[in-house]
Amino acid sequence: MIRKLRSLRRASPFQVILITVFTALAAFMALPIVFILNHAFKPQNELFLFPPRFFVQHPTFRNFEALFLHATNATVPFTRYLFNSVIVVFLTLASVIIVSTMAAYVLAKYQFHFKQLTMSLITLSLMFAPETVSIPRYLIINGLGLNNTYFGHILPSLASPVAVFMLVGFVSQIPNDLIEAAKIDGASHVGIFARIVLPLSLPAIATISILTFQAVWGDIETSTLFMQKEAMRTLAFYVNSLLSGLQNNVAGQNMVAAAGMLIFIPNLIIFLLFQRKVLETMVHSGIK
């Protein structure tokens, strides 16, 4: 603490102004987060005050009670949607990390026929919007008979061009001499991948974990298109259907506020846990 105070005293006026400006900017950018957290705990009367209040005056948990009671009265309980989301996110994260890292390792460190064509196709796939591949995805999932299964949730996200593209650039920076030394010591391809490539790629893996988690946690497409059984749908689908049904319902706005916070909080936690690794990825991506 004393060292930090001494460093602040030695800071130039320009550095002090810069720190002040960025601190104010960070506080301004944090306002939506503070609003979401406050809004979820506002009682019904505070939700419609005019002029509206930013901070909650009388926090209450009744919004969450109303949300859970509303889900309890439905055919599928709230915990089922939550369980599906947790299972799908966990399995998708693990699958995307393994598949993308293995593909990036091969593309970055091995020579084979049609390598440049493969990289070009991966780069080209980044240009497609998700809506353009909805019909092909449905035809594949339906043709494989994966409707109403967890694998039907996972398969559309398994091939992640963004993850492969990012990891190729990161893995290519691993020294070839290090890999050659491991081969001389008798390490197998799997051993090199598990003991060298994966540990050194943790910053990039953390980044794609955040991106994948955000995409899968808030995804409603798979539940809408591929899941006909309500018991196989996720929390994001339930919240989206709830918001759509209560959009013009004054009495249900408290449940809307609580549901919005439940969807937002996991994204915030994942980002806070891996933010340092994300910064490392940005730093290493500029090193050639």
C-alpha atoms as a PDB file:
ATOM      1  CA  MET A   1       0.000   0.000   0.000  1.00  0.00           C
ATOM      2  CA  ILE A   2       2.852   2.380   0.892  1.00  0.00           C
ATOM      3  CA  ARG A   3       4.570   1.612  -2.419  1.00  0.00           C
ATOM      4  CA  LYS A   4       1.394   2.441  -4.329  1.00  0.00           C
ATOM      5  CA  LEU A   5       1.086   5.778  -2.529  1.00  0.00           C
ATOM      6  CA  ARG A   6       4.722   6.585  -3.306  1.00  0.00           C
ATOM      7  CA  SER A   7       4.230   5.691  -6.974  1.00  0.00           C
ATOM      8  CA  LEU A   8       1.175   7.974  -7.119  1.00  0.00           C
ATOM      9  CA  ARG A   9       3.206  10.822  -5.627  1.00  0.00           C
ATOM     10  CA  ARG A  10       5.878  10.330  -8.291  1.00  0.00           C
ATOM     11  CA  ALA A  11       3.312  10.311 -11.094  1.00  0.00           C
ATOM     12  CA  SER A  12       3.414  13.193 -13.538  1.00  0.00           C
ATOM     13  CA  PRO A  13       0.407  15.514 -13.940  1.00  0.00           C
ATOM     14  CA  PHE A  14      -0.386  13.875 -17.277  1.00  0.00           C
ATOM     15  CA  GLN A  15      -0.448  10.431 -15.637  1.00  0.00           C
ATOM     16  CA  VAL A  16      -2.720  11.707 -12.873  1.00  0.00           C
ATOM     17  CA  ILE A  17      -5.131  13.167 -15.452  1.00  0.00           C
ATOM     18  CA  LEU A  18      -5.023   9.923 -17.434  1.00  0.00           C
ATOM     19  CA  ILE A  19      -5.774   7.820 -14.359  1.00  0.00           C
ATOM     20  CA  THR A  20      -8.612  10.134 -13.366  1.00  0.00           C
ATOM     21  CA  VAL A  21     -10.176  10.054 -16.836  1.00  0.00           C
ATOM     22  CA  PHE A  22     -10.001   6.260 -17.141  1.00  0.00           C
ATOM     23  CA  THR A  23     -11.335   5.792 -13.608  1.00  0.00           C
ATOM     24  CA  ALA A  24     -14.305   8.000 -14.432  1.00  0.00           C
ATOM     25  CA  LEU A  25     -14.801   6.115 -17.712  1.00  0.00           C
ATOM     26  CA  ALA A  26     -14.714   2.760 -15.889  1.00  0.00           C
ATOM     27  CA  ALA A  27     -17.256   4.016 -13.349  1.00  0.00           C
ATOM     28  CA  PHE A  28     -19.513   5.225 -16.177  1.00  0.00           C
ATOM     29  CA  MET A  29     -19.294   1.869 -17.982  1.00  0.00           C
ATOM     30  CA  ALA A  30     -20.168   0.061 -14.744  1.00  0.00           C
ATOM     31  CA  LEU A  31     -23.477   1.914 -14.427  1.00  0.00           C
ATOM     32  CA  PRO A  32     -25.497  -0.637 -16.482  1.00  0.00           C
ATOM     33  CA  ILE A  33     -24.239  -3.429 -14.203  1.00  0.00           C
ATOM     34  CA  VAL A  34     -25.212  -1.472 -11.097  1.00  0.00           C
ATOM     35  CA  PHE A  35     -28.624  -0.715 -12.617  1.00  0.00           C
ATOM     36  CA  ILE A  36     -29.335  -4.394 -13.420  1.00  0.00           C
ATOM     37  CA  LEU A  37     -28.447  -5.425  -9.870  1.00  0.00           C
ATOM     38  CA  ASN A  38     -30.573  -2.664  -8.343  1.00  0.00           C
ATOM     39  CA  HIS A  39     -33.482  -3.141 -10.728  1.00  0.00           C
ATOM     40  CA  ALA A  40     -33.856  -6.828  -9.836  1.00  0.00           C
ATOM     41  CA  PHE A  41     -34.442  -6.006  -6.157  1.00  0.00           C
ATOM     42  CA  LYS A  42     -36.870  -3.116  -6.611  1.00  0.00           C
ATOM     43  CA  PRO A  43     -40.382  -3.655  -5.254  1.00  0.00           C
ATOM     44  CA  GLN A  44     -43.306  -3.271  -7.631  1.00  0.00           C
ATOM     45  CA  ASN A  45     -44.012   0.353  -6.685  1.00  0.00           C
ATOM     46  CA  GLU A  46     -40.408   1.473  -7.318  1.00  0.00           C
ATOM     47  CA  LEU A  47     -40.337  -0.074 -10.787  1.00  0.00           C
ATOM     48  CA  PHE A  48     -42.837   2.509 -12.071  1.00  0.00           C
ATOM     49  CA  LEU A  49     -41.769   5.611 -10.154  1.00  0.00           C
ATOM     50  CA  PHE A  50     -41.492   8.837 -12.128  1.00  0.00           C
ATOM     51  CA  PRO A  51     -38.903  10.175 -12.321  1.00  0.00           C
ATOM     52  CA  PRO A  52     -37.291   6.720 -12.115  1.00  0.00           C
ATOM     53  CA  ARG A  53     -34.757   6.020  -9.379  1.00  0.00           C
ATOM     54  CA  PHE A  54     -31.398   4.518 -10.241  1.00  0.00           C
ATOM     55  CA  PHE A  55     -30.783   2.931  -6.822  1.00  0.00           C
ATOM     56  CA  VAL A  56     -33.288   0.768  -4.999  1.00  0.00           C
ATOM     57  CA  GLN A  57     -34.717   2.298  -1.832  1.00  0.00           C
ATOM     58  CA  HIS A  58     -36.400  -0.742  -0.277  1.00  0.00           C
ATOM     59  CA  PRO A  59     -34.756  -3.924  -1.647  1.00  0.00           C
ATOM     60  CA  THR A  60     -36.837  -7.084  -1.675  1.00  0.00           C
ATOM     61  CA  PHE A  61     -36.530 -10.738  -2.704  1.00  0.00           C
ATOM     62  CA  ARG A  62     -40.197 -10.987  -3.671  1.00  0.00           C
ATOM     63  CA  ASN A  63     -39.330 -10.593  -7.363  1.00  0.00           C
ATOM     64  CA  PHE A  64     -37.368 -13.846  -7.264  1.00  0.00           C
ATOM     65  CA  GLU A  65     -40.089 -15.536  -5.218  1.00  0.00           C
ATOM     66  CA  ALA A  66     -42.655 -14.547  -7.845  1.00  0.00           C
ATOM     67  CA  LEU A  67     -40.387 -15.850 -10.605  1.00  0.00           C
ATOM     68  CA  PHE A  68     -39.871 -19.221  -8.923  1.00  0.00           C
ATOM     69  CA  LEU A  69     -43.567 -19.567  -8.055  1.00  0.00           C
ATOM     70  CA  HIS A  70     -44.479 -18.761 -11.658  1.00  0.00           C
ATOM     71  CA  ALA A  71     -42.111 -21.495 -12.846  1.00  0.00           C
ATOM     72  CA  THR A  72     -43.436 -23.939 -10.256  1.00  0.00           C
ATOM     73  CA  ASN A  73     -46.922 -23.612 -11.670  1.00  0.00           C
ATOM     74  CA  ALA A  74     -45.648 -24.507 -15.149  1.00  0.00           C
ATOM     75  CA  THR A  75     -45.419 -28.047 -16.540  1.00  0.00           C
ATOM     76  CA  VAL A  76     -41.600 -28.019 -16.248  1.00  0.00           C
ATOM     77  CA  PRO A  77     -40.017 -26.702 -13.021  1.00  0.00           C
ATOM     78  CA  PHE A  78     -37.497 -23.871 -13.014  1.00  0.00           C
ATOM     79  CA  THR A  79     -34.742 -26.178 -11.747  1.00  0.00           C
ATOM     80  CA  ARG A  80     -35.074 -28.349 -14.877  1.00  0.00           C
ATOM     81  CA  TYR A  81     -34.328 -25.400 -17.158  1.00  0.00           C
ATOM     82  CA  LEU A  82     -31.385 -24.443 -14.950  1.00  0.00           C
ATOM     83  CA  PHE A  83     -30.052 -28.017 -14.908  1.00  0.00           C
ATOM     84  CA  ASN A  84     -30.246 -28.224 -18.704  1.00  0.00           C
ATOM     85  CA  SER A  85     -28.365 -24.948 -19.107  1.00  0.00           C
ATOM     86  CA  VAL A  86     -25.586 -26.001 -16.713  1.00  0.00           C
ATOM     87  CA  ILE A  87     -25.147 -29.394 -18.402  1.00  0.00           C
ATOM     88  CA  VAL A  88     -25.177 -27.937 -21.913  1.00  0.00           C
ATOM     89  CA  VAL A  89     -22.743 -25.132 -21.044  1.00  0.00           C
ATOM     90  CA  PHE A  90     -20.305 -27.475 -19.264  1.00  0.00           C
ATOM     91  CA  LEU A  91     -20.277 -30.106 -22.019  1.00  0.00           C
ATOM     92  CA  THR A  92     -20.093 -27.523 -24.808  1.00  0.00           C
ATOM     93  CA  LEU A  93     -17.228 -25.659 -23.156  1.00  0.00           C
ATOM     94  CA  ALA A  94     -15.201 -28.839 -22.684  1.00  0.00           C
ATOM     95  CA  SER A  95     -15.907 -30.016 -26.238  1.00  0.00           C
ATOM     96  CA  VAL A  96     -15.106 -26.679 -27.889  1.00  0.00           C
ATOM     97  CA  ILE A  97     -11.856 -26.295 -25.945  1.00  0.00           C
ATOM     98  CA  ILE A  98     -10.623 -29.796 -26.804  1.00  0.00           C
ATOM     99  CA  VAL A  99     -11.663 -29.769 -30.476  1.00  0.00           C
ATOM    100  CA  SER A 100     -10.528 -26.188 -31.165  1.00  0.00           C
ATOM    101  CA  THR A 101      -7.176 -26.587 -29.424  1.00  0.00           C
ATOM    102  CA  MET A 102      -6.399 -29.845 -31.217  1.00  0.00           C
ATOM    103  CA  ALA A 103      -7.363 -28.328 -34.576  1.00  0.00           C
ATOM    104  CA  ALA A 104      -5.281 -25.205 -33.889  1.00  0.00           C
ATOM    105  CA  TYR A 105      -2.251 -27.302 -32.889  1.00  0.00           C
ATOM    106  CA  VAL A 106      -2.381 -29.288 -36.133  1.00  0.00           C
ATOM    107  CA  LEU A 107      -2.949 -26.215 -38.300  1.00  0.00           C
ATOM    108  CA  ALA A 108      -0.200 -24.202 -36.620  1.00  0.00           C
ATOM    109  CA  LYS A 109       2.553 -26.813 -36.249  1.00  0.00           C
ATOM    110  CA  TYR A 110       2.070 -29.429 -38.967  1.00  0.00           C
ATOM    111  CA  GLN A 111       2.298 -29.393 -42.743  1.00  0.00           C
ATOM    112  CA  PHE A 112      -0.260 -31.344 -44.768  1.00  0.00           C
ATOM    113  CA  HIS A 113      -2.119 -31.145 -48.054  1.00  0.00           C
ATOM    114  CA  PHE A 114      -4.844 -28.503 -48.385  1.00  0.00           C
ATOM    115  CA  LYS A 115      -3.700 -26.742 -45.202  1.00  0.00           C
ATOM    116  CA  GLN A 116      -4.071 -23.284 -46.745  1.00  0.00           C
ATOM    117  CA  LEU A 117      -7.463 -24.238 -48.161  1.00  0.00           C
ATOM    118  CA  THR A 118      -8.603 -25.376 -44.718  1.00  0.00           C
ATOM    119  CA  MET A 119      -7.468 -22.101 -43.142  1.00  0.00           C
ATOM    120  CA  SER A 120      -9.200 -20.150 -45.905  1.00  0.00           C
ATOM    121  CA  LEU A 121     -12.461 -22.010 -45.301  1.00  0.00           C
ATOM    122  CA  ILE A 122     -12.232 -21.339 -41.550  1.00  0.00           C
ATOM    123  CA  THR A 123     -11.631 -17.662 -42.225  1.00  0.00           C
ATOM    124  CA  LEU A 124     -14.495 -17.596 -44.733  1.00  0.00           C
ATOM    125  CA  SER A 125     -16.868 -19.176 -42.219  1.00  0.00           C
ATOM    126  CA  LEU A 126     -16.350 -16.179 -39.923  1.00  0.00           C
ATOM    127  CA  MET A 127     -18.288 -14.081 -42.433  1.00  0.00           C
ATOM    128  CA  PHE A 128     -21.529 -16.046 -42.129  1.00  0.00           C
ATOM    129  CA  ALA A 129     -24.205 -14.757 -39.768  1.00  0.00           C
ATOM    130  CA  PRO A 130     -25.792 -17.415 -37.506  1.00  0.00           C
ATOM    131  CA  GLU A 131     -29.176 -16.929 -39.190  1.00  0.00           C
ATOM    132  CA  THR A 132     -27.792 -18.077 -42.556  1.00  0.00           C
ATOM    133  CA  VAL A 133     -26.910 -21.535 -41.226  1.00  0.00           C
ATOM    134  CA  SER A 134     -30.055 -22.193 -39.188  1.00  0.00           C
ATOM    135  CA  ILE A 135     -31.735 -24.303 -41.875  1.00  0.00           C
ATOM    136  CA  PRO A 136     -28.629 -26.446 -42.642  1.00  0.00           C
ATOM    137  CA  ARG A 137     -28.151 -26.987 -38.914  1.00  0.00           C
ATOM    138  CA  TYR A 138     -31.737 -28.109 -38.508  1.00  0.00           C
ATOM    139  CA  LEU A 139     -31.439 -30.521 -41.429  1.00  0.00           C
ATOM    140  CA  ILE A 140     -28.254 -32.034 -39.959  1.00  0.00           C
ATOM    141  CA  ILE A 141     -29.600 -32.338 -36.411  1.00  0.00           C
ATOM    142  CA  ASN A 142     -32.901 -33.766 -37.635  1.00  0.00           C
ATOM    143  CA  GLY A 143     -31.157 -36.141 -40.052  1.00  0.00           C
ATOM    144  CA  LEU A 144     -28.938 -37.499 -37.299  1.00  0.00           C
ATOM    145  CA  GLY A 145     -31.922 -37.959 -34.986  1.00  0.00           C
ATOM    146  CA  LEU A 146     -30.495 -35.670 -32.310  1.00  0.00           C
ATOM    147  CA  ASN A 147     -33.687 -33.763 -31.588  1.00  0.00           C
ATOM    148  CA  ASN A 148     -34.551 -33.626 -27.873  1.00  0.00           C
ATOM    149  CA  THR A 149     -31.048 -34.713 -26.820  1.00  0.00           C
ATOM    150  CA  TYR A 150     -28.213 -32.890 -25.079  1.00  0.00           C
ATOM    151  CA  PHE A 151     -25.939 -33.602 -28.033  1.00  0.00           C
ATOM    152  CA  GLY A 152     -28.424 -31.674 -30.170  1.00  0.00           C
ATOM    153  CA  HIS A 153     -27.557 -28.640 -28.036  1.00  0.00           C
ATOM    154  CA  ILE A 154     -23.814 -29.258 -28.257  1.00  0.00           C
ATOM    155  CA  LEU A 155     -23.258 -30.146 -31.927  1.00  0.00           C
ATOM    156  CA  PRO A 156     -24.153 -26.721 -33.438  1.00  0.00           C
ATOM    157  CA  SER A 157     -21.528 -25.042 -31.226  1.00  0.00           C
ATOM    158  CA  LEU A 158     -18.880 -27.753 -31.517  1.00  0.00           C
ATOM    159  CA  ALA A 159     -17.217 -26.326 -34.631  1.00  0.00           C
ATOM    160  CA  SER A 160     -16.172 -22.831 -33.546  1.00  0.00           C
ATOM    161  CA  PRO A 161     -14.307 -20.919 -36.290  1.00  0.00           C
ATOM    162  CA  VAL A 162     -13.642 -18.006 -33.934  1.00  0.00           C
ATOM    163  CA  ALA A 163     -11.989 -20.291 -31.377  1.00  0.00           C
ATOM    164  CA  VAL A 164      -9.860 -22.090 -33.971  1.00  0.00           C
ATOM    165  CA  PHE A 165      -8.822 -18.834 -35.650  1.00  0.00           C
ATOM    166  CA  MET A 166      -7.791 -17.289 -32.322  1.00  0.00           C
ATOM    167  CA  LEU A 167      -5.946 -20.383 -31.109  1.00  0.00           C
ATOM    168  CA  VAL A 168      -4.025 -20.851 -34.362  1.00  0.00           C
ATOM    169  CA  GLY A 169      -2.460 -17.426 -33.912  1.00  0.00           C
ATOM    170  CA  PHE A 170      -1.634 -18.199 -30.285  1.00  0.00           C
ATOM    171  CA  VAL A 171      -0.274 -21.737 -30.761  1.00  0.00           C
ATOM    172  CA  SER A 172       1.892 -20.608 -33.695  1.00  0.00           C
ATOM    173  CA  GLN A 173       3.873 -18.471 -31.222  1.00  0.00           C
ATOM    174  CA  ILE A 174       4.959 -21.540 -29.243  1.00  0.00           C
ATOM    175  CA  PRO A 175       8.650 -22.127 -30.184  1.00  0.00           C
ATOM    176  CA  ASN A 176       9.164 -25.046 -32.549  1.00  0.00           C
ATOM    177  CA  ASP A 177      12.405 -25.844 -30.713  1.00  0.00           C
ATOM    178  CA  LEU A 178      10.391 -26.598 -27.582  1.00  0.00           C
ATOM    179  CA  ILE A 179       8.233 -29.098 -29.449  1.00  0.00           C
ATOM    180  CA  GLU A 180      11.248 -30.668 -31.171  1.00  0.00           C
ATOM    181  CA  ALA A 181      13.011 -31.041 -27.810  1.00  0.00           C
ATOM    182  CA  ALA A 182       9.939 -32.832 -26.438  1.00  0.00           C
ATOM    183  CA  LYS A 183       9.969 -35.195 -29.432  1.00  0.00           C
ATOM    184  CA  ILE A 184      13.649 -35.974 -28.872  1.00  0.00           C
ATOM    185  CA  ASP A 185      12.861 -36.790 -25.240  1.00  0.00           C
ATOM    186  CA  GLY A 186      10.333 -39.349 -26.478  1.00  0.00           C
ATOM    187  CA  ALA A 187       7.100 -37.420 -25.948  1.00  0.00           C
ATOM    188  CA  SER A 188       4.178 -38.525 -28.096  1.00  0.00           C
ATOM    189  CA  HIS A 189       1.876 -36.182 -30.010  1.00  0.00           C
ATOM    190  CA  VAL A 190      -0.716 -36.523 -27.251  1.00  0.00           C
ATOM    191  CA  GLY A 191       1.918 -35.829 -24.598  1.00  0.00           C
ATOM    192  CA  ILE A 192       3.157 -32.721 -26.396  1.00  0.00           C
ATOM    193  CA  PHE A 193      -0.411 -31.503 -26.775  1.00  0.00           C
ATOM    194  CA  ALA A 194      -1.337 -32.153 -23.130  1.00  0.00           C
ATOM    195  CA  ARG A 195       1.896 -31.015 -21.442  1.00  0.00           C
ATOM    196  CA  ILE A 196       3.074 -28.167 -23.674  1.00  0.00           C
ATOM    197  CA  VAL A 197       0.367 -26.828 -25.987  1.00  0.00           C
ATOM    198  CA  LEU A 198      -2.541 -26.776 -23.533  1.00  0.00           C
ATOM    199  CA  PRO A 199      -0.688 -25.128 -20.598  1.00  0.00           C
ATOM    200  CA  LEU A 200       0.901 -22.473 -22.834  1.00  0.00           C
ATOM    201  CA  SER A 201      -2.430 -21.746 -24.507  1.00  0.00           C
ATOM    202  CA  LEU A 202      -4.364 -21.071 -21.290  1.00  0.00           C
ATOM    203  CA  PRO A 203      -4.823 -17.319 -21.935  1.00  0.00           C
ATOM    204  CA  ALA A 204      -6.394 -17.989 -25.350  1.00  0.00           C
ATOM    205  CA  ILE A 205      -8.436 -20.874 -23.927  1.00  0.00           C
ATOM    206  CA  ALA A 206      -9.785 -18.549 -21.238  1.00  0.00           C
ATOM    207  CA  THR A 207     -10.801 -16.054 -23.924  1.00  0.00           C
ATOM    208  CA  ILE A 208     -12.667 -18.597 -26.040  1.00  0.00           C
ATOM    209  CA  SER A 209     -14.246 -19.961 -22.847  1.00  0.00           C
ATOM    210  CA  ILE A 210     -15.792 -16.552 -22.169  1.00  0.00           C
ATOM    211  CA  LEU A 211     -17.013 -16.182 -25.748  1.00  0.00           C
ATOM    212  CA  THR A 212     -18.402 -19.732 -25.838  1.00  0.00           C
ATOM    213  CA  PHE A 213     -20.063 -19.420 -22.434  1.00  0.00           C
ATOM    214  CA  GLN A 214     -21.794 -16.171 -23.401  1.00  0.00           C
ATOM    215  CA  ALA A 215     -23.002 -17.637 -26.697  1.00  0.00           C
ATOM    216  CA  VAL A 216     -24.271 -20.924 -25.216  1.00  0.00           C
ATOM    217  CA  TRP A 217     -25.717 -19.527 -21.969  1.00  0.00           C
ATOM    218  CA  GLY A 218     -27.873 -17.025 -23.841  1.00  0.00           C
ATOM    219  CA  ASP A 219     -28.672 -19.251 -26.835  1.00  0.00           C
ATOM    220  CA  ILE A 220     -32.354 -19.864 -27.564  1.00  0.00           C
ATOM    221  CA  GLU A 221     -32.006 -21.147 -31.136  1.00  0.00           C
ATOM    222  CA  THR A 222     -31.244 -24.769 -30.244  1.00  0.00           C
ATOM    223  CA  SER A 223     -34.155 -24.961 -27.797  1.00  0.00           C
ATOM    224  CA  THR A 224     -36.498 -23.364 -30.315  1.00  0.00           C
ATOM    225  CA  LEU A 225     -35.526 -25.352 -33.410  1.00  0.00           C
ATOM    226  CA  PHE A 226     -34.224 -28.696 -32.181  1.00  0.00           C
ATOM    227  CA  MET A 227     -36.063 -29.333 -28.908  1.00  0.00           C
ATOM    228  CA  GLN A 228     -39.756 -30.196 -29.082  1.00  0.00           C
ATOM    229  CA  LYS A 229     -39.871 -31.491 -25.504  1.00  0.00           C
ATOM    230  CA  GLU A 230     -40.172 -28.735 -22.945  1.00  0.00           C
ATOM    231  CA  ALA A 231     -38.054 -30.707 -20.466  1.00  0.00           C
ATOM    232  CA  MET A 232     -35.028 -30.463 -22.801  1.00  0.00           C
ATOM    233  CA  ARG A 233     -35.070 -26.699 -23.203  1.00  0.00           C
ATOM    234  CA  THR A 234     -32.701 -24.321 -21.421  1.00  0.00           C
ATOM    235  CA  LEU A 235     -33.021 -21.443 -18.989  1.00  0.00           C
ATOM    236  CA  ALA A 236     -32.401 -18.840 -21.706  1.00  0.00           C
ATOM    237  CA  PHE A 237     -35.391 -20.137 -23.672  1.00  0.00           C
ATOM    238  CA  TYR A 238     -37.616 -20.050 -20.579  1.00  0.00           C
ATOM    239  CA  VAL A 239     -36.558 -16.500 -19.695  1.00  0.00           C
ATOM    240  CA  ASN A 240     -37.041 -15.339 -23.286  1.00  0.00           C
ATOM    241  CA  SER A 241     -40.530 -16.845 -23.438  1.00  0.00           C
ATOM    242  CA  LEU A 242     -41.286 -15.305 -20.046  1.00  0.00           C
ATOM    243  CA  LEU A 243     -40.127 -11.871 -21.182  1.00  0.00           C
ATOM    244  CA  SER A 244     -42.166 -12.153 -24.370  1.00  0.00           C
ATOM    245  CA  GLY A 245     -45.294 -13.100 -22.440  1.00  0.00           C
ATOM    246  CA  LEU A 246     -44.894 -10.398 -19.801  1.00  0.00           C
ATOM    247  CA  GLN A 247     -43.645  -7.629 -22.072  1.00  0.00           C
ATOM    248  CA  ASN A 248     -46.889  -5.678 -21.858  1.00  0.00           C
ATOM    249  CA  ASN A 249     -47.912  -7.004 -18.459  1.00  0.00           C
ATOM    250  CA  VAL A 250     -47.423  -4.430 -15.710  1.00  0.00           C
ATOM    251  CA  ALA A 251     -47.853  -6.978 -12.908  1.00  0.00           C
ATOM    252  CA  GLY A 252     -45.070  -9.186 -14.287  1.00  0.00           C
ATOM    253  CA  GLN A 253     -42.299  -6.598 -14.617  1.00  0.00           C
ATOM    254  CA  ASN A 254     -40.815  -7.647 -11.278  1.00  0.00           C
ATOM    255  CA  MET A 255     -40.298 -11.158 -12.640  1.00  0.00           C
ATOM    256  CA  VAL A 256     -38.770  -9.705 -15.801  1.00  0.00           C
ATOM    257  CA  ALA A 257     -36.225  -7.763 -13.727  1.00  0.00           C
ATOM    258  CA  ALA A 258     -35.303 -10.831 -11.658  1.00  0.00           C
ATOM    259  CA  ALA A 259     -34.993 -13.049 -14.740  1.00  0.00           C
ATOM    260  CA  GLY A 260     -32.759 -10.518 -16.468  1.00  0.00           C
ATOM    261  CA  MET A 261     -30.356 -10.519 -13.550  1.00  0.00           C
ATOM    262  CA  LEU A 262     -30.245 -14.337 -13.429  1.00  0.00           C
ATOM    263  CA  ILE A 263     -29.168 -14.435 -17.071  1.00  0.00           C
ATOM    264  CA  PHE A 264     -26.620 -11.643 -16.650  1.00  0.00           C
ATOM    265  CA  ILE A 265     -24.838 -12.679 -13.423  1.00  0.00           C
ATOM    266  CA  PRO A 266     -23.131 -15.882 -14.747  1.00  0.00           C
ATOM    267  CA  ASN A 267     -21.670 -13.927 -17.678  1.00  0.00           C
ATOM    268  CA  LEU A 268     -20.271 -11.334 -15.290  1.00  0.00           C
ATOM    269  CA  ILE A 269     -18.753 -13.980 -13.000  1.00  0.00           C
ATOM    270  CA  ILE A 270     -17.085 -15.841 -15.886  1.00  0.00           C
ATOM    271  CA  PHE A 271     -15.627 -12.606 -17.234  1.00  0.00           C
ATOM    272  CA  LEU A 272     -14.259 -11.544 -13.833  1.00  0.00           C
ATOM    273  CA  LEU A 273     -12.644 -14.951 -13.327  1.00  0.00           C
ATOM    274  CA  PHE A 274     -10.845 -14.971 -16.688  1.00  0.00           C
ATOM    275  CA  GLN A 275     -10.252 -11.284 -17.410  1.00  0.00           C
ATOM    276  CA  ARG A 276      -6.506 -11.475 -16.669  1.00  0.00           C
ATOM    277  CA  LYS A 277      -6.098 -14.327 -19.139  1.00  0.00           C
ATOM    278  CA  VAL A 278      -7.983 -12.280 -21.749  1.00  0.00           C
ATOM    279  CA  LEU A 279      -5.527  -9.417 -21.303  1.00  0.00           C
ATOM    280  CA  GLU A 280      -2.623 -11.859 -21.703  1.00  0.00           C
ATOM    281  CA  THR A 281      -4.144 -13.063 -24.980  1.00  0.00           C
ATOM    282  CA  MET A 282      -4.318  -9.496 -26.271  1.00  0.00           C
ATOM    283  CA  VAL A 283      -0.707  -8.865 -25.264  1.00  0.00           C
ATOM    284  CA  HIS A 284       0.634 -12.076 -26.830  1.00  0.00           C
ATOM    285  CA  SER A 285      -1.385 -11.568 -30.010  1.00  0.00           C
ATOM    286  CA  GLY A 286       0.714  -8.470 -30.720  1.00  0.00           C
ATOM    287  CA  ILE A 287       4.047 -10.274 -30.253  1.00  0.00           C
ATOM    288  CA  LYS A 288       5.560 -11.645 -33.431  1.00  0.00           C
END
